[in-house]
PDB file of N, CA and C in Angstrom:
ATOM      1  N   MET A   1      -4.075 141.603 -33.871  1.00  0.00           N
ATOM      2  CA  MET A   1      -3.911 141.802 -32.597  1.00  0.00           C
ATOM      3  C   MET A   1      -3.967 140.800 -31.357  1.00  0.00           C
ATOM      4  N   ALA A   2      -2.983 140.478 -30.474  1.00  0.00           N
ATOM      5  CA  ALA A   2      -3.268 139.174 -29.531  1.00  0.00           C
ATOM      6  C   ALA A   2      -4.590 139.277 -29.115  1.00  0.00           C
ATOM      7  N   ASN A   3      -4.794 137.839 -29.155  1.00  0.00           N
ATOM      8  CA  ASN A   3      -6.292 137.155 -28.497  1.00  0.00           C
ATOM      9  C   ASN A   3      -6.479 136.871 -27.124  1.00  0.00           C
ATOM     10  N   THR A   4      -5.202 136.164 -26.648  1.00  0.00           N
ATOM     11  CA  THR A   4      -5.349 135.650 -25.429  1.00  0.00           C
ATOM     12  C   THR A   4      -4.468 136.315 -24.543  1.00  0.00           C
ATOM     13  N   ALA A   5      -4.733 136.093 -23.542  1.00  0.00           N
ATOM     14  CA  ALA A   5      -3.939 136.656 -22.321  1.00  0.00           C
ATOM     15  C   ALA A   5      -2.391 136.395 -22.624  1.00  0.00           C
ATOM     16  N   GLN A   6      -1.896 135.299 -22.651  1.00  0.00           N
ATOM     17  CA  GLN A   6      -0.626 135.213 -23.388  1.00  0.00           C
ATOM     18  C   GLN A   6       0.121 135.616 -23.977  1.00  0.00           C
ATOM     19  N   ALA A   7      -0.651 135.953 -25.246  1.00  0.00           N
ATOM     20  CA  ALA A   7      -0.213 136.761 -26.576  1.00  0.00           C
ATOM     21  C   ALA A   7      -0.262 138.157 -26.114  1.00  0.00           C
ATOM     22  N   ARG A   8      -0.921 138.308 -25.282  1.00  0.00           N
ATOM     23  CA  ARG A   8      -0.880 140.137 -24.710  1.00  0.00           C
ATOM     24  C   ARG A   8       0.140 140.521 -24.097  1.00  0.00           C
ATOM     25  N   LYS A   9       0.619 139.304 -23.211  1.00  0.00           N
ATOM     26  CA  LYS A   9       1.581 139.820 -22.325  1.00  0.00           C
ATOM     27  C   LYS A   9       2.905 139.514 -23.021  1.00  0.00           C
ATOM     28  N   ARG A  10       3.123 138.476 -23.613  1.00  0.00           N
ATOM     29  CA  ARG A  10       4.083 138.290 -24.897  1.00  0.00           C
ATOM     30  C   ARG A  10       4.644 139.755 -25.665  1.00  0.00           C
ATOM     31  N   ALA A  11       3.464 140.263 -26.458  1.00  0.00           N
ATOM     32  CA  ALA A  11       3.505 141.636 -26.988  1.00  0.00           C
ATOM     33  C   ALA A  11       3.898 142.639 -26.253  1.00  0.00           C
ATOM     34  N   ARG A  12       3.390 142.762 -24.916  1.00  0.00           N
ATOM     35  CA  ARG A  12       3.970 143.670 -23.920  1.00  0.00           C
ATOM     36  C   ARG A  12       5.364 143.458 -23.661  1.00  0.00           C
ATOM     37  N   GLN A  13       5.794 142.126 -23.455  1.00  0.00           N
ATOM     38  CA  GLN A  13       7.459 142.186 -23.243  1.00  0.00           C
ATOM     39  C   GLN A  13       8.005 142.081 -24.400  1.00  0.00           C
ATOM     40  N   ALA A  14       7.542 142.033 -25.543  1.00  0.00           N
ATOM     41  CA  ALA A  14       8.269 142.108 -26.852  1.00  0.00           C
ATOM     42  C   ALA A  14       8.861 143.789 -26.893  1.00  0.00           C
ATOM     43  N   VAL A  15       7.744 144.337 -26.618  1.00  0.00           N
ATOM     44  CA  VAL A  15       7.854 146.195 -26.592  1.00  0.00           C
ATOM     45  C   VAL A  15       9.360 146.556 -25.755  1.00  0.00           C
ATOM     46  N   LYS A  16       9.284 146.117 -24.568  1.00  0.00           N
ATOM     47  CA  LYS A  16      10.096 146.171 -23.387  1.00  0.00           C
ATOM     48  C   LYS A  16      11.508 145.685 -23.747  1.00  0.00           C
ATOM     49  N   LEU A  17      11.569 144.599 -24.587  1.00  0.00           N
ATOM     50  CA  LEU A  17      12.915 143.943 -24.899  1.00  0.00           C
ATOM     51  C   LEU A  17      13.119 144.759 -25.904  1.00  0.00           C
ATOM     52  N   ASN A  18      12.393 144.662 -26.997  1.00  0.00           N
ATOM     53  CA  ASN A  18      12.706 145.420 -28.217  1.00  0.00           C
ATOM     54  C   ASN A  18      13.523 147.205 -27.838  1.00  0.00           C
ATOM     55  N   ALA A  19      12.657 147.652 -26.737  1.00  0.00           N
ATOM     56  CA  ALA A  19      13.489 148.795 -26.442  1.00  0.00           C
ATOM     57  C   ALA A  19      14.861 149.053 -25.632  1.00  0.00           C
ATOM     58  N   HIS A  20      15.218 147.739 -24.998  1.00  0.00           N
ATOM     59  CA  HIS A  20      16.226 147.500 -24.289  1.00  0.00           C
ATOM     60  C   HIS A  20      17.531 147.167 -25.482  1.00  0.00           C
ATOM     61  N   ASN A  21      17.008 146.097 -26.534  1.00  0.00           N
ATOM     62  CA  ASN A  21      18.127 145.830 -27.338  1.00  0.00           C
ATOM     63  C   ASN A  21      18.490 147.036 -28.022  1.00  0.00           C
ATOM     64  N   SER A  22      17.547 147.864 -28.557  1.00  0.00           N
ATOM     65  CA  SER A  22      17.904 149.105 -29.348  1.00  0.00           C
ATOM     66  C   SER A  22      18.923 149.805 -28.775  1.00  0.00           C
ATOM     67  N   SER A  23      18.519 150.062 -27.194  1.00  0.00           N
ATOM     68  CA  SER A  23      19.606 151.231 -26.436  1.00  0.00           C
ATOM     69  C   SER A  23      20.763 150.244 -26.516  1.00  0.00           C
ATOM     70  N   GLN A  24      21.095 148.929 -26.453  1.00  0.00           N
ATOM     71  CA  GLN A  24      21.939 148.360 -26.586  1.00  0.00           C
ATOM     72  C   GLN A  24      23.000 148.690 -27.763  1.00  0.00           C
ATOM     73  N   ARG A  25      22.021 148.344 -29.099  1.00  0.00           N
ATOM     74  CA  ARG A  25      22.590 148.629 -30.103  1.00  0.00           C
ATOM     75  C   ARG A  25      23.158 149.958 -30.484  1.00  0.00           C
ATOM     76  N   SER A  26      22.495 150.875 -29.746  1.00  0.00           N
ATOM     77  CA  SER A  26      23.225 152.498 -29.907  1.00  0.00           C
ATOM     78  C   SER A  26      24.210 152.595 -29.252  1.00  0.00           C
ATOM     79  N   THR A  27      24.250 151.882 -28.085  1.00  0.00           N
ATOM     80  CA  THR A  27      25.516 151.937 -27.151  1.00  0.00           C
ATOM     81  C   THR A  27      26.775 151.402 -28.173  1.00  0.00           C
ATOM     82  N   LEU A  28      26.482 150.047 -28.616  1.00  0.00           N
ATOM     83  CA  LEU A  28      27.665 149.457 -29.668  1.00  0.00           C
ATOM     84  C   LEU A  28      27.807 150.369 -30.861  1.00  0.00           C
ATOM     85  N   ARG A  29      27.035 151.333 -31.754  1.00  0.00           N
ATOM     86  CA  ARG A  29      27.426 152.003 -32.414  1.00  0.00           C
ATOM     87  C   ARG A  29      28.140 153.391 -32.191  1.00  0.00           C
ATOM     88  N   THR A  30      27.640 153.750 -31.002  1.00  0.00           N
ATOM     89  CA  THR A  30      28.477 154.811 -30.319  1.00  0.00           C
ATOM     90  C   THR A  30      30.218 154.357 -29.875  1.00  0.00           C
ATOM     91  N   ALA A  31      30.040 153.513 -29.361  1.00  0.00           N
ATOM     92  CA  ALA A  31      31.567 152.856 -29.172  1.00  0.00           C
ATOM     93  C   ALA A  31      32.518 152.812 -30.619  1.00  0.00           C
ATOM     94  N   ILE A  32      32.010 152.060 -31.335  1.00  0.00           N
ATOM     95  CA  ILE A  32      32.217 152.010 -32.827  1.00  0.00           C
ATOM     96  C   ILE A  32      32.616 153.300 -33.604  1.00  0.00           C
ATOM     97  N   LYS A  33      31.962 154.207 -33.343  1.00  0.00           N
ATOM     98  CA  LYS A  33      32.036 155.563 -34.122  1.00  0.00           C
ATOM     99  C   LYS A  33      33.421 156.441 -33.409  1.00  0.00           C
ATOM    100  N   ALA A  34      33.157 156.319 -31.959  1.00  0.00           N
ATOM    101  CA  ALA A  34      34.242 156.714 -31.286  1.00  0.00           C
ATOM    102  C   ALA A  34      35.793 156.340 -31.632  1.00  0.00           C
ATOM    103  N   VAL A  35      35.782 154.904 -31.739  1.00  0.00           N
ATOM    104  CA  VAL A  35      37.419 154.333 -32.149  1.00  0.00           C
ATOM    105  C   VAL A  35      37.419 154.977 -33.558  1.00  0.00           C
ATOM    106  N   ARG A  36      36.313 155.013 -34.663  1.00  0.00           N
ATOM    107  CA  ARG A  36      36.888 155.322 -35.756  1.00  0.00           C
ATOM    108  C   ARG A  36      36.966 157.269 -35.846  1.00  0.00           C
ATOM    109  N   LYS A  37      36.329 157.568 -35.044  1.00  0.00           N
ATOM    110  CA  LYS A  37      36.482 159.204 -34.642  1.00  0.00           C
ATOM    111  C   LYS A  37      38.429 159.256 -34.466  1.00  0.00           C
ATOM    112  N   ALA A  38      38.654 158.330 -33.440  1.00  0.00           N
ATOM    113  CA  ALA A  38      39.998 158.566 -32.961  1.00  0.00           C
ATOM    114  C   ALA A  38      41.252 158.029 -33.941  1.00  0.00           C
ATOM    115  N   ILE A  39      40.500 157.234 -35.079  1.00  0.00           N
ATOM    116  CA  ILE A  39      41.446 156.706 -35.980  1.00  0.00           C
ATOM    117  C   ILE A  39      41.518 158.207 -36.831  1.00  0.00           C
ATOM    118  N   GLU A  40      40.527 158.588 -37.097  1.00  0.00           N
ATOM    119  CA  GLU A  40      40.611 159.744 -38.306  1.00  0.00           C
ATOM    120  C   GLU A  40      41.377 161.028 -37.748  1.00  0.00           C
ATOM    121  N   SER A  41      41.617 161.280 -36.387  1.00  0.00           N
ATOM    122  CA  SER A  41      42.525 161.988 -35.612  1.00  0.00           C
ATOM    123  C   SER A  41      43.837 161.870 -36.096  1.00  0.00           C
ATOM    124  N   GLY A  42      44.253 160.369 -36.212  1.00  0.00           N
ATOM    125  CA  GLY A  42      45.928 160.114 -36.492  1.00  0.00           C
ATOM    126  C   GLY A  42      46.434 159.932 -35.439  1.00  0.00           C
ATOM    127  N   ASP A  43      46.069 159.874 -33.978  1.00  0.00           N
ATOM    128  CA  ASP A  43      46.698 159.694 -32.939  1.00  0.00           C
ATOM    129  C   ASP A  43      46.285 158.210 -32.391  1.00  0.00           C
ATOM    130  N   LYS A  44      47.516 157.671 -32.627  1.00  0.00           N
ATOM    131  CA  LYS A  44      47.450 156.223 -32.454  1.00  0.00           C
ATOM    132  C   LYS A  44      47.525 155.868 -30.903  1.00  0.00           C
ATOM    133  N   ALA A  45      48.174 156.615 -29.981  1.00  0.00           N
ATOM    134  CA  ALA A  45      48.043 156.178 -28.816  1.00  0.00           C
ATOM    135  C   ALA A  45      46.458 156.587 -28.293  1.00  0.00           C
ATOM    136  N   SER A  46      45.974 157.634 -28.621  1.00  0.00           N
ATOM    137  CA  SER A  46      44.683 157.870 -28.144  1.00  0.00           C
ATOM    138  C   SER A  46      43.867 156.819 -28.921  1.00  0.00           C
ATOM    139  N   ALA A  47      43.793 156.380 -29.923  1.00  0.00           N
ATOM    140  CA  ALA A  47      42.991 155.361 -30.781  1.00  0.00           C
ATOM    141  C   ALA A  47      43.180 154.203 -30.193  1.00  0.00           C
ATOM    142  N   THR A  48      44.121 153.413 -29.636  1.00  0.00           N
ATOM    143  CA  THR A  48      44.305 152.304 -28.929  1.00  0.00           C
ATOM    144  C   THR A  48      43.728 152.452 -27.739  1.00  0.00           C
ATOM    145  N   GLN A  49      43.862 153.745 -26.950  1.00  0.00           N
ATOM    146  CA  GLN A  49      42.987 153.421 -25.733  1.00  0.00           C
ATOM    147  C   GLN A  49      41.385 153.571 -25.799  1.00  0.00           C
ATOM    148  N   VAL A  50      41.001 154.026 -26.714  1.00  0.00           N
ATOM    149  CA  VAL A  50      39.554 154.285 -26.946  1.00  0.00           C
ATOM    150  C   VAL A  50      38.998 152.882 -27.476  1.00  0.00           C
ATOM    151  N   PHE A  51      40.170 152.192 -28.350  1.00  0.00           N
ATOM    152  CA  PHE A  51      39.595 150.871 -28.974  1.00  0.00           C
ATOM    153  C   PHE A  51      39.624 149.780 -27.415  1.00  0.00           C
ATOM    154  N   GLN A  52      40.237 149.858 -26.898  1.00  0.00           N
ATOM    155  CA  GLN A  52      40.285 148.811 -25.834  1.00  0.00           C
ATOM    156  C   GLN A  52      39.221 149.127 -24.941  1.00  0.00           C
ATOM    157  N   ALA A  53      38.750 150.356 -24.367  1.00  0.00           N
ATOM    158  CA  ALA A  53      37.347 150.693 -23.766  1.00  0.00           C
ATOM    159  C   ALA A  53      36.164 150.134 -24.797  1.00  0.00           C
ATOM    160  N   SER A  54      36.081 150.118 -26.175  1.00  0.00           N
ATOM    161  CA  SER A  54      35.020 149.765 -26.858  1.00  0.00           C
ATOM    162  C   SER A  54      35.203 148.260 -27.317  1.00  0.00           C
ATOM    163  N   MET A  55      36.279 147.765 -27.055  1.00  0.00           N
ATOM    164  CA  MET A  55      36.451 146.237 -27.084  1.00  0.00           C
ATOM    165  C   MET A  55      35.212 145.689 -25.887  1.00  0.00           C
ATOM    166  N   SER A  56      35.358 146.319 -24.849  1.00  0.00           N
ATOM    167  CA  SER A  56      34.715 145.377 -23.651  1.00  0.00           C
ATOM    168  C   SER A  56      33.113 145.978 -24.032  1.00  0.00           C
ATOM    169  N   VAL A  57      32.719 146.716 -24.705  1.00  0.00           N
ATOM    170  CA  VAL A  57      31.532 147.026 -25.014  1.00  0.00           C
ATOM    171  C   VAL A  57      31.164 145.966 -26.145  1.00  0.00           C
ATOM    172  N   ILE A  58      31.810 146.093 -27.256  1.00  0.00           N
ATOM    173  CA  ILE A  58      31.470 145.109 -28.085  1.00  0.00           C
ATOM    174  C   ILE A  58      31.146 143.785 -27.583  1.00  0.00           C
ATOM    175  N   ASP A  59      31.963 143.352 -26.926  1.00  0.00           N
ATOM    176  CA  ASP A  59      32.123 142.184 -26.202  1.00  0.00           C
ATOM    177  C   ASP A  59      30.926 141.720 -25.395  1.00  0.00           C
ATOM    178  N   ARG A  60      30.491 142.691 -24.610  1.00  0.00           N
ATOM    179  CA  ARG A  60      29.266 142.639 -23.702  1.00  0.00           C
ATOM    180  C   ARG A  60      28.151 142.198 -24.132  1.00  0.00           C
ATOM    181  N   ILE A  61      28.029 143.416 -25.463  1.00  0.00           N
ATOM    182  CA  ILE A  61      26.799 143.281 -26.427  1.00  0.00           C
ATOM    183  C   ILE A  61      26.701 141.783 -26.930  1.00  0.00           C
ATOM    184  N   ALA A  62      27.744 141.410 -27.497  1.00  0.00           N
ATOM    185  CA  ALA A  62      27.736 139.999 -27.957  1.00  0.00           C
ATOM    186  C   ALA A  62      27.296 138.818 -26.992  1.00  0.00           C
ATOM    187  N   ASP A  63      28.165 139.100 -25.753  1.00  0.00           N
ATOM    188  CA  ASP A  63      27.708 137.998 -24.695  1.00  0.00           C
ATOM    189  C   ASP A  63      26.200 137.946 -24.690  1.00  0.00           C
ATOM    190  N   LYS A  64      25.510 139.289 -24.837  1.00  0.00           N
ATOM    191  CA  LYS A  64      23.853 139.151 -24.589  1.00  0.00           C
ATOM    192  C   LYS A  64      23.187 138.627 -25.840  1.00  0.00           C
ATOM    193  N   ARG A  65      23.734 138.386 -26.924  1.00  0.00           N
ATOM    194  CA  ARG A  65      23.548 138.117 -28.088  1.00  0.00           C
ATOM    195  C   ARG A  65      22.444 138.824 -28.854  1.00  0.00           C
ATOM    196  N   ILE A  66      22.771 140.178 -28.356  1.00  0.00           N
ATOM    197  CA  ILE A  66      22.199 141.496 -29.182  1.00  0.00           C
ATOM    198  C   ILE A  66      22.754 141.491 -30.565  1.00  0.00           C
ATOM    199  N   ILE A  67      24.017 141.359 -30.897  1.00  0.00           N
ATOM    200  CA  ILE A  67      24.881 140.900 -32.056  1.00  0.00           C
ATOM    201  C   ILE A  67      25.297 139.416 -31.939  1.00  0.00           C
ATOM    202  N   HIS A  68      25.263 139.295 -33.084  1.00  0.00           N
ATOM    203  CA  HIS A  68      26.311 137.795 -33.402  1.00  0.00           C
ATOM    204  C   HIS A  68      27.846 137.742 -32.757  1.00  0.00           C
ATOM    205  N   LYS A  69      28.416 136.869 -32.374  1.00  0.00           N
ATOM    206  CA  LYS A  69      29.643 136.665 -32.104  1.00  0.00           C
ATOM    207  C   LYS A  69      30.781 136.787 -33.247  1.00  0.00           C
ATOM    208  N   ASN A  70      30.454 136.320 -34.261  1.00  0.00           N
ATOM    209  CA  ASN A  70      31.025 136.949 -35.284  1.00  0.00           C
ATOM    210  C   ASN A  70      30.925 138.273 -35.917  1.00  0.00           C
ATOM    211  N   LYS A  71      30.059 138.678 -35.703  1.00  0.00           N
ATOM    212  CA  LYS A  71      30.016 140.066 -36.005  1.00  0.00           C
ATOM    213  C   LYS A  71      30.602 141.389 -35.177  1.00  0.00           C
ATOM    214  N   ALA A  72      30.923 140.995 -33.929  1.00  0.00           N
ATOM    215  CA  ALA A  72      31.599 141.370 -32.979  1.00  0.00           C
ATOM    216  C   ALA A  72      33.119 140.942 -33.455  1.00  0.00           C
ATOM    217  N   ALA A  73      33.308 140.126 -33.662  1.00  0.00           N
ATOM    218  CA  ALA A  73      34.829 139.567 -33.893  1.00  0.00           C
ATOM    219  C   ALA A  73      35.155 140.237 -34.884  1.00  0.00           C
ATOM    220  N   ARG A  74      34.038 140.432 -35.975  1.00  0.00           N
ATOM    221  CA  ARG A  74      34.201 141.157 -37.209  1.00  0.00           C
ATOM    222  C   ARG A  74      35.002 142.630 -37.123  1.00  0.00           C
ATOM    223  N   HIS A  75      34.180 143.224 -36.489  1.00  0.00           N
ATOM    224  CA  HIS A  75      34.103 144.808 -35.760  1.00  0.00           C
ATOM    225  C   HIS A  75      35.560 145.177 -35.126  1.00  0.00           C
ATOM    226  N   LYS A  76      36.111 144.298 -34.091  1.00  0.00           N
ATOM    227  CA  LYS A  76      36.962 144.051 -33.617  1.00  0.00           C
ATOM    228  C   LYS A  76      38.362 143.996 -34.412  1.00  0.00           C
ATOM    229  N   SER A  77      38.467 143.198 -35.495  1.00  0.00           N
ATOM    230  CA  SER A  77      39.567 142.591 -36.466  1.00  0.00           C
ATOM    231  C   SER A  77      39.482 144.137 -37.281  1.00  0.00           C
ATOM    232  N   ARG A  78      38.601 144.842 -37.422  1.00  0.00           N
ATOM    233  CA  ARG A  78      38.668 145.722 -38.734  1.00  0.00           C
ATOM    234  C   ARG A  78      39.161 146.972 -38.090  1.00  0.00           C
ATOM    235  N   LEU A  79      38.597 147.069 -36.649  1.00  0.00           N
ATOM    236  CA  LEU A  79      39.022 148.574 -36.235  1.00  0.00           C
ATOM    237  C   LEU A  79      40.657 148.034 -35.675  1.00  0.00           C
ATOM    238  N   SER A  80      41.076 147.078 -35.355  1.00  0.00           N
ATOM    239  CA  SER A  80      42.198 146.873 -35.001  1.00  0.00           C
ATOM    240  C   SER A  80      43.226 146.892 -36.033  1.00  0.00           C
ATOM    241  N   ALA A  81      42.818 146.980 -37.271  1.00  0.00           N
ATOM    242  CA  ALA A  81      43.782 146.746 -38.265  1.00  0.00           C
ATOM    243  C   ALA A  81      43.628 148.115 -38.560  1.00  0.00           C
ATOM    244  N   ALA A  82      42.816 148.802 -38.583  1.00  0.00           N
ATOM    245  CA  ALA A  82      42.825 150.365 -38.863  1.00  0.00           C
ATOM    246  C   ALA A  82      43.582 150.901 -38.265  1.00  0.00           C
ATOM    247  N   ILE A  83      43.640 150.641 -36.735  1.00  0.00           N
ATOM    248  CA  ILE A  83      44.709 151.252 -35.684  1.00  0.00           C
ATOM    249  C   ILE A  83      46.321 150.995 -36.094  1.00  0.00           C
ATOM    250  N   LYS A  84      46.278 149.529 -36.524  1.00  0.00           N
ATOM    251  CA  LYS A  84      47.634 148.876 -36.940  1.00  0.00           C
ATOM    252  C   LYS A  84      48.180 149.711 -38.152  1.00  0.00           C
ATOM    253  N   ALA A  85      47.344 150.154 -39.235  1.00  0.00           N
ATOM    254  CA  ALA A  85      47.677 150.787 -40.267  1.00  0.00           C
ATOM    255  C   ALA A  85      48.402 152.073 -40.170  1.00  0.00           C
ATOM    256  N   LEU A  86      48.037 152.998 -38.683  1.00  0.00           N
ATOM    257  CA  LEU A  86      48.357 154.496 -38.282  1.00  0.00           C
ATOM    258  C   LEU A  86      49.621 154.644 -38.489  1.00  0.00           C
ATOM    259  N   ALA A  87      50.388 153.651 -38.168  1.00  0.00           N
ATOM    260  CA  ALA A  87      51.735 153.700 -38.099  1.00  0.00           C
ATOM    261  C   ALA A  87      52.530 154.589 -38.951  1.00  0.00           C
TER     262      ALA A  87
END
């Protein structure tokens, strides 16, 4: 348990930040799942449209350093490749 006032405050802040980051990661996962679902449906136009919207979410979360930029790039690359394979 935190013994100093500073440590208690940091513990409170950590809880709040953890909740916010968890929410952001959930948004990221939802966006990725939406693209995967569109890909599974087989409609390339729909999948491309959903992918464009999801790319913005992925980039925004990477910019906030909730995930690493390379992880964001990997997700975008794999989703893009899956959409191209629909042809």
